Amino acid sequence: MTDYMPNAYYDAISKTFDDVYHRDDADLQEDLAMVGDVIEQNVVGARVLDLGSGTGFWSRVASRWAESVVGLERSEEMIRVARSAEIPSNLAFTLGDVWEMMHVDGGFQALIAVMWFSHVPKSRTQEFLELVAKRVGPGG
């Protein structure tokens, strides 16, 4: 199933998508810091796949501690924006459907999906979690 994510919408907002991360809102900034802390605690030294990476905000955060990060995103414009900013040497972005994550090259020890879970239909939650477990493998 690949009709879960409205590409046209994300293509259209790609240039302003990251604005939310820079709002002068103490509660938001506290929440973002908390998410960053959780990512740090779980990706140190790991090979990471960021599902629905968008413009790469959280991929870049993970790249501070991870061995390597691959951001997987379906929107061509989001990928273009992600690639237009400076990219750390341990970070790459690839165009593709999250449901096809098994086709992404590399062995991953951790997956992150900060903004993407809202796109998983409740009826497919178990299927998605099983796919994630297969993609990460034992110990991930």
Foldseek 3Di string as FASTA:
>chain_A
DQPLDDLVVLLVCLVPVCVQVVDPDVVSVVVVVVVLVVLLVPAAQWEEEEEQCFLPPVVVSNVVGHQAYEYEHAHPNSQVNNVVDDDPPRYYYDHDHSVVLLPDDDAGQYYHYPPNPVSQPPVCPVVSVVVVCVRNDPND
